[in-house]
Amino acid sequence: MNPKKPKSLLENLHLDLDLDKHLVLDIIDFYWLNVRKSITQVTYPRIGIENLGAFELKMKSLDNTINKYQNALNKADNSNFKKYSKYLAIKNRLEVLESSKSVILEEKNRKKQIKTDRYGDITRGMEEERKDS
């Protein structure tokens, strides 16, 4: 599988769809702008892109990143205006990451509740059930 270059993709779409080259470029830019925004803003814990794959936020890496930002926030000096803007950016990013963590935990608890409702107590193993019988 040979990766496509954006230039060749633009040319092929421009000719196949019989549209203006600038319009096709604007559509491609708009699509990838939304994809990048969804990934960086962590609006969803899992983002699926057709013919490219699924990108899932992992809890371990999220915890590591949150710890890194908390350490940076504790060490940050916001005594003057230049440093305060950096402090504010770190604080805003940390809030986004913490809200993402709560979304992931809610989803995990929702899935666990569905399994519990469907199958009963799922904490016991099969070996324990054999001993009870």
N, C-alpha and C. Protein backbone atom coordinates (compact mmCIF):
# COMPACT_ATOMS: atom_id res chain seq x y z
N MET A 1 0.84 -1.18 0.00
CA MET A 1 0.00 0.00 0.00
C MET A 1 0.89 1.24 0.00
N ASN A 2 0.77 2.04 -0.99
CA ASN A 2 1.54 3.27 -1.09
C ASN A 2 0.72 4.44 -0.54
N PRO A 3 1.30 5.20 0.38
CA PRO A 3 0.55 6.34 0.91
C PRO A 3 0.36 7.40 -0.16
N LYS A 4 -0.78 8.07 -0.10
CA LYS A 4 -1.09 9.11 -1.07
C LYS A 4 -0.58 10.45 -0.56
N LYS A 5 -0.05 11.22 -1.45
CA LYS A 5 0.37 12.57 -1.12
C LYS A 5 -0.85 13.49 -1.26
N PRO A 6 -0.94 14.51 -0.42
CA PRO A 6 -2.09 15.41 -0.50
C PRO A 6 -2.25 16.07 -1.87
N LYS A 7 -1.13 16.36 -2.52
CA LYS A 7 -1.20 17.00 -3.83
C LYS A 7 -1.86 16.09 -4.87
N SER A 8 -1.46 14.81 -4.88
CA SER A 8 -2.04 13.89 -5.84
C SER A 8 -3.50 13.60 -5.50
N LEU A 9 -3.83 13.56 -4.23
CA LEU A 9 -5.20 13.35 -3.81
C LEU A 9 -6.08 14.51 -4.26
N LEU A 10 -5.56 15.71 -4.10
CA LEU A 10 -6.28 16.90 -4.52
C LEU A 10 -6.53 16.89 -6.02
N GLU A 11 -5.51 16.54 -6.78
CA GLU A 11 -5.65 16.49 -8.24
C GLU A 11 -6.70 15.46 -8.66
N ASN A 12 -6.64 14.26 -8.04
CA ASN A 12 -7.59 13.20 -8.40
C ASN A 12 -9.02 13.60 -8.05
N LEU A 13 -9.23 14.16 -6.88
CA LEU A 13 -10.58 14.57 -6.48
C LEU A 13 -11.08 15.71 -7.36
N HIS A 14 -10.21 16.64 -7.65
CA HIS A 14 -10.56 17.78 -8.50
C HIS A 14 -11.05 17.30 -9.87
N LEU A 15 -10.34 16.34 -10.45
CA LEU A 15 -10.73 15.84 -11.77
C LEU A 15 -11.93 14.90 -11.71
N ASP A 16 -11.98 14.02 -10.72
CA ASP A 16 -13.08 13.06 -10.62
C ASP A 16 -14.42 13.73 -10.34
N LEU A 17 -14.42 14.71 -9.46
CA LEU A 17 -15.67 15.36 -9.07
C LEU A 17 -16.02 16.56 -9.94
N ASP A 18 -15.10 16.95 -10.78
CA ASP A 18 -15.29 18.10 -11.66
C ASP A 18 -15.67 19.35 -10.85
N LEU A 19 -14.89 19.60 -9.81
CA LEU A 19 -15.09 20.77 -8.97
C LEU A 19 -13.86 21.65 -9.01
N ASP A 20 -14.04 22.88 -8.56
CA ASP A 20 -12.93 23.82 -8.49
C ASP A 20 -11.88 23.31 -7.51
N LYS A 21 -10.64 23.49 -7.85
CA LYS A 21 -9.53 23.00 -7.02
C LYS A 21 -9.55 23.63 -5.63
N HIS A 22 -9.87 24.92 -5.56
CA HIS A 22 -9.90 25.61 -4.27
C HIS A 22 -11.04 25.10 -3.39
N LEU A 23 -12.16 24.76 -3.99
CA LEU A 23 -13.29 24.21 -3.24
C LEU A 23 -12.93 22.86 -2.64
N VAL A 24 -12.30 22.01 -3.41
CA VAL A 24 -11.89 20.70 -2.92
C VAL A 24 -10.87 20.87 -1.79
N LEU A 25 -9.94 21.78 -1.95
CA LEU A 25 -8.95 22.04 -0.91
C LEU A 25 -9.60 22.56 0.37
N ASP A 26 -10.60 23.44 0.24
CA ASP A 26 -11.32 23.94 1.41
C ASP A 26 -12.08 22.84 2.13
N ILE A 27 -12.68 21.93 1.38
CA ILE A 27 -13.42 20.81 1.98
C ILE A 27 -12.46 19.90 2.74
N ILE A 28 -11.34 19.57 2.14
CA ILE A 28 -10.35 18.71 2.80
C ILE A 28 -9.82 19.39 4.05
N ASP A 29 -9.50 20.67 3.97
CA ASP A 29 -8.99 21.40 5.14
C ASP A 29 -10.03 21.46 6.26
N PHE A 30 -11.29 21.68 5.89
CA PHE A 30 -12.35 21.74 6.89
C PHE A 30 -12.51 20.40 7.61
N TYR A 31 -12.47 19.32 6.84
CA TYR A 31 -12.62 17.99 7.43
C TYR A 31 -11.50 17.70 8.42
N TRP A 32 -10.25 17.92 8.00
CA TRP A 32 -9.12 17.61 8.88
C TRP A 32 -9.01 18.59 10.04
N LEU A 33 -9.50 19.81 9.87
CA LEU A 33 -9.54 20.75 10.98
C LEU A 33 -10.47 20.22 12.07
N ASN A 34 -11.62 19.69 11.67
CA ASN A 34 -12.56 19.12 12.65
C ASN A 34 -12.00 17.86 13.30
N VAL A 35 -11.29 17.04 12.54
CA VAL A 35 -10.67 15.84 13.11
C VAL A 35 -9.62 16.24 14.14
N ARG A 36 -8.75 17.17 13.78
CA ARG A 36 -7.71 17.61 14.72
C ARG A 36 -8.31 18.23 15.98
N LYS A 37 -9.37 19.02 15.79
CA LYS A 37 -10.02 19.66 16.93
C LYS A 37 -10.64 18.61 17.85
N SER A 38 -11.27 17.60 17.29
CA SER A 38 -11.87 16.54 18.11
C SER A 38 -10.81 15.78 18.89
N ILE A 39 -9.67 15.56 18.27
CA ILE A 39 -8.60 14.82 18.95
C ILE A 39 -7.96 15.68 20.04
N THR A 40 -7.66 16.94 19.76
CA THR A 40 -6.97 17.78 20.74
C THR A 40 -7.89 18.24 21.87
N GLN A 41 -9.16 18.47 21.58
CA GLN A 41 -10.09 18.90 22.61
C GLN A 41 -10.64 17.72 23.42
N VAL A 42 -10.34 16.51 22.97
CA VAL A 42 -10.75 15.27 23.63
C VAL A 42 -12.25 15.31 23.90
N THR A 43 -13.02 15.59 22.85
CA THR A 43 -14.46 15.66 23.00
C THR A 43 -15.08 14.28 23.20
N TYR A 44 -14.46 13.27 22.63
CA TYR A 44 -14.93 11.90 22.77
C TYR A 44 -13.75 11.00 23.13
N PRO A 45 -13.98 9.97 23.94
CA PRO A 45 -12.87 9.08 24.29
C PRO A 45 -12.41 8.20 23.13
N ARG A 46 -13.26 8.05 22.11
CA ARG A 46 -12.91 7.22 20.96
C ARG A 46 -13.39 7.91 19.69
N ILE A 47 -12.48 8.08 18.75
CA ILE A 47 -12.81 8.74 17.48
C ILE A 47 -12.50 7.77 16.35
N GLY A 48 -13.50 7.47 15.56
CA GLY A 48 -13.31 6.57 14.42
C GLY A 48 -13.30 7.36 13.12
N ILE A 49 -12.29 7.13 12.32
CA ILE A 49 -12.18 7.80 11.02
C ILE A 49 -12.23 6.71 9.96
N GLU A 50 -13.18 6.84 9.07
CA GLU A 50 -13.39 5.82 8.06
C GLU A 50 -12.15 5.63 7.20
N ASN A 51 -11.80 4.37 6.98
CA ASN A 51 -10.65 3.94 6.18
C ASN A 51 -9.30 4.35 6.79
N LEU A 52 -9.30 4.82 8.03
CA LEU A 52 -8.05 5.18 8.68
C LEU A 52 -7.89 4.46 10.01
N GLY A 53 -8.99 4.28 10.73
CA GLY A 53 -8.93 3.55 11.99
C GLY A 53 -9.61 4.29 13.12
N ALA A 54 -9.47 3.75 14.31
CA ALA A 54 -10.07 4.34 15.51
C ALA A 54 -8.96 4.80 16.44
N PHE A 55 -9.14 5.97 17.00
CA PHE A 55 -8.19 6.53 17.94
C PHE A 55 -8.88 6.57 19.29
N GLU A 56 -8.29 5.85 20.24
CA GLU A 56 -8.89 5.73 21.56
C GLU A 56 -7.96 6.32 22.61
N LEU A 57 -8.54 7.05 23.53
CA LEU A 57 -7.79 7.66 24.61
C LEU A 57 -7.59 6.61 25.70
N LYS A 58 -6.36 6.36 26.04
CA LYS A 58 -6.04 5.34 27.04
C LYS A 58 -5.93 5.99 28.42
N MET A 59 -6.51 5.32 29.41
CA MET A 59 -6.57 5.88 30.76
C MET A 59 -5.18 6.08 31.36
N LYS A 60 -4.27 5.15 31.12
CA LYS A 60 -2.93 5.26 31.71
C LYS A 60 -2.19 6.48 31.17
N SER A 61 -2.23 6.68 29.87
CA SER A 61 -1.55 7.84 29.29
C SER A 61 -2.25 9.14 29.70
N LEU A 62 -3.57 9.08 29.86
CA LEU A 62 -4.30 10.26 30.31
C LEU A 62 -3.90 10.63 31.74
N ASP A 63 -3.78 9.63 32.61
CA ASP A 63 -3.35 9.89 33.99
C ASP A 63 -1.93 10.46 34.03
N ASN A 64 -1.05 9.91 33.20
CA ASN A 64 0.32 10.43 33.15
C ASN A 64 0.35 11.89 32.68
N THR A 65 -0.45 12.21 31.69
CA THR A 65 -0.50 13.57 31.18
C THR A 65 -1.08 14.52 32.21
N ILE A 66 -2.13 14.07 32.91
CA ILE A 66 -2.73 14.91 33.94
C ILE A 66 -1.71 15.19 35.05
N ASN A 67 -0.97 14.17 35.46
CA ASN A 67 0.07 14.37 36.48
C ASN A 67 1.14 15.35 36.00
N LYS A 68 1.53 15.23 34.74
CA LYS A 68 2.54 16.13 34.18
C LYS A 68 2.05 17.57 34.20
N TYR A 69 0.79 17.79 33.81
CA TYR A 69 0.24 19.14 33.81
C TYR A 69 0.05 19.67 35.23
N GLN A 70 -0.33 18.82 36.18
CA GLN A 70 -0.48 19.27 37.56
C GLN A 70 0.87 19.68 38.14
N ASN A 71 1.91 18.92 37.84
CA ASN A 71 3.25 19.29 38.30
C ASN A 71 3.69 20.62 37.69
N ALA A 72 3.42 20.79 36.40
CA ALA A 72 3.78 22.04 35.74
C ALA A 72 2.99 23.21 36.31
N LEU A 73 1.73 22.95 36.66
CA LEU A 73 0.89 24.00 37.23
C LEU A 73 1.37 24.40 38.63
N ASN A 74 1.82 23.41 39.40
CA ASN A 74 2.34 23.70 40.73
C ASN A 74 3.65 24.47 40.68
N LYS A 75 4.47 24.19 39.68
CA LYS A 75 5.76 24.86 39.54
C LYS A 75 5.66 26.20 38.83
N ALA A 76 4.54 26.44 38.15
CA ALA A 76 4.40 27.65 37.33
C ALA A 76 4.40 28.90 38.21
N ASP A 77 5.07 29.90 37.71
CA ASP A 77 5.14 31.19 38.39
C ASP A 77 4.27 32.17 37.63
N ASN A 78 3.21 32.64 38.27
CA ASN A 78 2.30 33.56 37.58
C ASN A 78 2.39 34.96 38.18
N SER A 79 3.60 35.38 38.46
CA SER A 79 3.81 36.68 39.11
C SER A 79 3.76 37.85 38.12
N ASN A 80 4.01 37.59 36.83
CA ASN A 80 3.89 38.68 35.86
C ASN A 80 3.02 38.23 34.69
N PHE A 81 2.71 39.17 33.81
CA PHE A 81 1.76 38.91 32.75
C PHE A 81 2.22 37.87 31.74
N LYS A 82 3.50 37.86 31.40
CA LYS A 82 4.00 36.88 30.43
C LYS A 82 3.85 35.46 30.95
N LYS A 83 4.18 35.25 32.19
CA LYS A 83 4.10 33.91 32.76
C LYS A 83 2.66 33.52 33.08
N TYR A 84 1.81 34.50 33.33
CA TYR A 84 0.42 34.18 33.67
C TYR A 84 -0.32 33.57 32.48
N SER A 85 -0.02 34.00 31.28
CA SER A 85 -0.70 33.43 30.11
C SER A 85 -0.34 31.95 29.94
N LYS A 86 0.90 31.61 30.20
CA LYS A 86 1.32 30.21 30.13
C LYS A 86 0.63 29.40 31.23
N TYR A 87 0.55 29.98 32.42
CA TYR A 87 -0.15 29.34 33.54
C TYR A 87 -1.61 29.09 33.19
N LEU A 88 -2.25 30.06 32.59
CA LEU A 88 -3.66 29.94 32.21
C LEU A 88 -3.86 28.86 31.14
N ALA A 89 -2.93 28.77 30.18
CA ALA A 89 -3.03 27.75 29.14
C ALA A 89 -2.90 26.35 29.73
N ILE A 90 -1.98 26.17 30.65
CA ILE A 90 -1.81 24.87 31.31
C ILE A 90 -3.06 24.52 32.11
N LYS A 91 -3.59 25.51 32.81
CA LYS A 91 -4.79 25.29 33.63
C LYS A 91 -5.99 24.89 32.76
N ASN A 92 -6.17 25.56 31.64
CA ASN A 92 -7.28 25.23 30.74
C ASN A 92 -7.13 23.83 30.15
N ARG A 93 -5.91 23.49 29.77
CA ARG A 93 -5.66 22.16 29.21
C ARG A 93 -5.91 21.07 30.26
N LEU A 94 -5.52 21.35 31.48
CA LEU A 94 -5.74 20.40 32.57
C LEU A 94 -7.23 20.18 32.82
N GLU A 95 -8.02 21.24 32.72
CA GLU A 95 -9.47 21.11 32.89
C GLU A 95 -10.07 20.24 31.79
N VAL A 96 -9.59 20.41 30.57
CA VAL A 96 -10.08 19.59 29.45
C VAL A 96 -9.74 18.12 29.69
N LEU A 97 -8.52 17.85 30.12
CA LEU A 97 -8.10 16.48 30.36
C LEU A 97 -8.88 15.84 31.51
N GLU A 98 -9.13 16.60 32.57
CA GLU A 98 -9.89 16.06 33.69
C GLU A 98 -11.35 15.79 33.31
N SER A 99 -11.93 16.64 32.48
CA SER A 99 -13.30 16.38 32.02
C SER A 99 -13.32 15.14 31.13
N SER A 100 -12.28 14.93 30.34
CA SER A 100 -12.18 13.73 29.51
C SER A 100 -12.09 12.49 30.37
N LYS A 101 -11.34 12.58 31.45
CA LYS A 101 -11.21 11.45 32.35
C LYS A 101 -12.56 11.10 32.97
N SER A 102 -13.33 12.12 33.34
CA SER A 102 -14.65 11.84 33.92
C SER A 102 -15.58 11.22 32.88
N VAL A 103 -15.47 11.64 31.62
CA VAL A 103 -16.30 11.04 30.56
C VAL A 103 -15.93 9.57 30.38
N ILE A 104 -14.66 9.26 30.39
CA ILE A 104 -14.21 7.87 30.23
C ILE A 104 -14.68 7.02 31.41
N LEU A 105 -14.57 7.55 32.63
CA LEU A 105 -15.01 6.80 33.80
C LEU A 105 -16.52 6.57 33.79
N GLU A 106 -17.28 7.57 33.37
CA GLU A 106 -18.73 7.41 33.26
C GLU A 106 -19.08 6.33 32.25
N GLU A 107 -18.39 6.33 31.12
CA GLU A 107 -18.63 5.33 30.08
C GLU A 107 -18.28 3.94 30.59
N LYS A 108 -17.19 3.83 31.31
CA LYS A 108 -16.76 2.54 31.88
C LYS A 108 -17.79 2.02 32.88
N ASN A 109 -18.28 2.92 33.74
CA ASN A 109 -19.29 2.52 34.71
C ASN A 109 -20.61 2.15 34.04
N ARG A 110 -20.96 2.85 32.97
CA ARG A 110 -22.18 2.55 32.22
C ARG A 110 -22.10 1.15 31.61
N LYS A 111 -20.95 0.82 31.03
CA LYS A 111 -20.77 -0.50 30.43
C LYS A 111 -20.79 -1.59 31.50
N LYS A 112 -20.19 -1.30 32.64
CA LYS A 112 -20.19 -2.27 33.73
C LYS A 112 -21.60 -2.51 34.24
N GLN A 113 -22.39 -1.44 34.34
CA GLN A 113 -23.78 -1.57 34.79
C GLN A 113 -24.61 -2.38 33.80
N ILE A 114 -24.37 -2.19 32.52
CA ILE A 114 -25.09 -2.97 31.50
C ILE A 114 -24.76 -4.44 31.64
N LYS A 115 -23.49 -4.77 31.84
CA LYS A 115 -23.09 -6.17 32.01
C LYS A 115 -23.69 -6.75 33.28
N THR A 116 -23.71 -5.96 34.36
CA THR A 116 -24.29 -6.43 35.61
C THR A 116 -25.78 -6.69 35.45
N ASP A 117 -26.47 -5.80 34.76
CA ASP A 117 -27.91 -5.99 34.53
C ASP A 117 -28.18 -7.22 33.67
N ARG A 118 -27.30 -7.44 32.70
CA ARG A 118 -27.51 -8.54 31.77
C ARG A 118 -27.12 -9.89 32.35
N TYR A 119 -25.98 -9.96 33.05
CA TYR A 119 -25.44 -11.25 33.49
C TYR A 119 -25.44 -11.44 35.00
N GLY A 120 -25.82 -10.46 35.75
CA GLY A 120 -25.78 -10.57 37.19
C GLY A 120 -24.42 -10.16 37.72
N ASP A 121 -24.03 -10.72 38.87
CA ASP A 121 -22.76 -10.39 39.50
C ASP A 121 -21.61 -10.92 38.66
N ILE A 122 -20.81 -10.03 38.10
CA ILE A 122 -19.73 -10.45 37.19
C ILE A 122 -18.37 -10.45 37.88
N THR A 123 -18.35 -10.22 39.19
CA THR A 123 -17.06 -10.18 39.87
C THR A 123 -16.55 -11.56 40.22
N ARG A 124 -17.43 -12.54 40.31
CA ARG A 124 -17.02 -13.90 40.64
C ARG A 124 -16.52 -14.62 39.40
N GLY A 125 -15.57 -15.51 39.58
CA GLY A 125 -15.04 -16.29 38.47
C GLY A 125 -15.80 -17.60 38.32
N MET A 126 -15.51 -18.31 37.25
CA MET A 126 -16.20 -19.57 37.00
C MET A 126 -15.80 -20.64 38.01
N GLU A 127 -14.56 -20.62 38.51
CA GLU A 127 -14.12 -21.61 39.47
C GLU A 127 -14.87 -21.48 40.78
N GLU A 128 -15.16 -20.24 41.17
CA GLU A 128 -15.92 -20.05 42.41
C GLU A 128 -17.33 -20.58 42.27
N GLU A 129 -17.91 -20.44 41.07
CA GLU A 129 -19.26 -20.95 40.84
C GLU A 129 -19.29 -22.47 40.92
N ARG A 130 -18.24 -23.17 40.46
CA ARG A 130 -18.19 -24.62 40.54
C ARG A 130 -18.11 -25.10 41.97
N LYS A 131 -17.39 -24.39 42.81
CA LYS A 131 -17.26 -24.77 44.20
C LYS A 131 -18.60 -24.64 44.94
N ASP A 132 -19.40 -23.62 44.52
CA ASP A 132 -20.69 -23.43 45.16
C ASP A 132 -21.67 -24.53 44.79
N SER A 133 -21.53 -25.12 43.62
CA SER A 133 -22.50 -26.11 43.14
C SER A 133 -22.35 -27.44 43.82
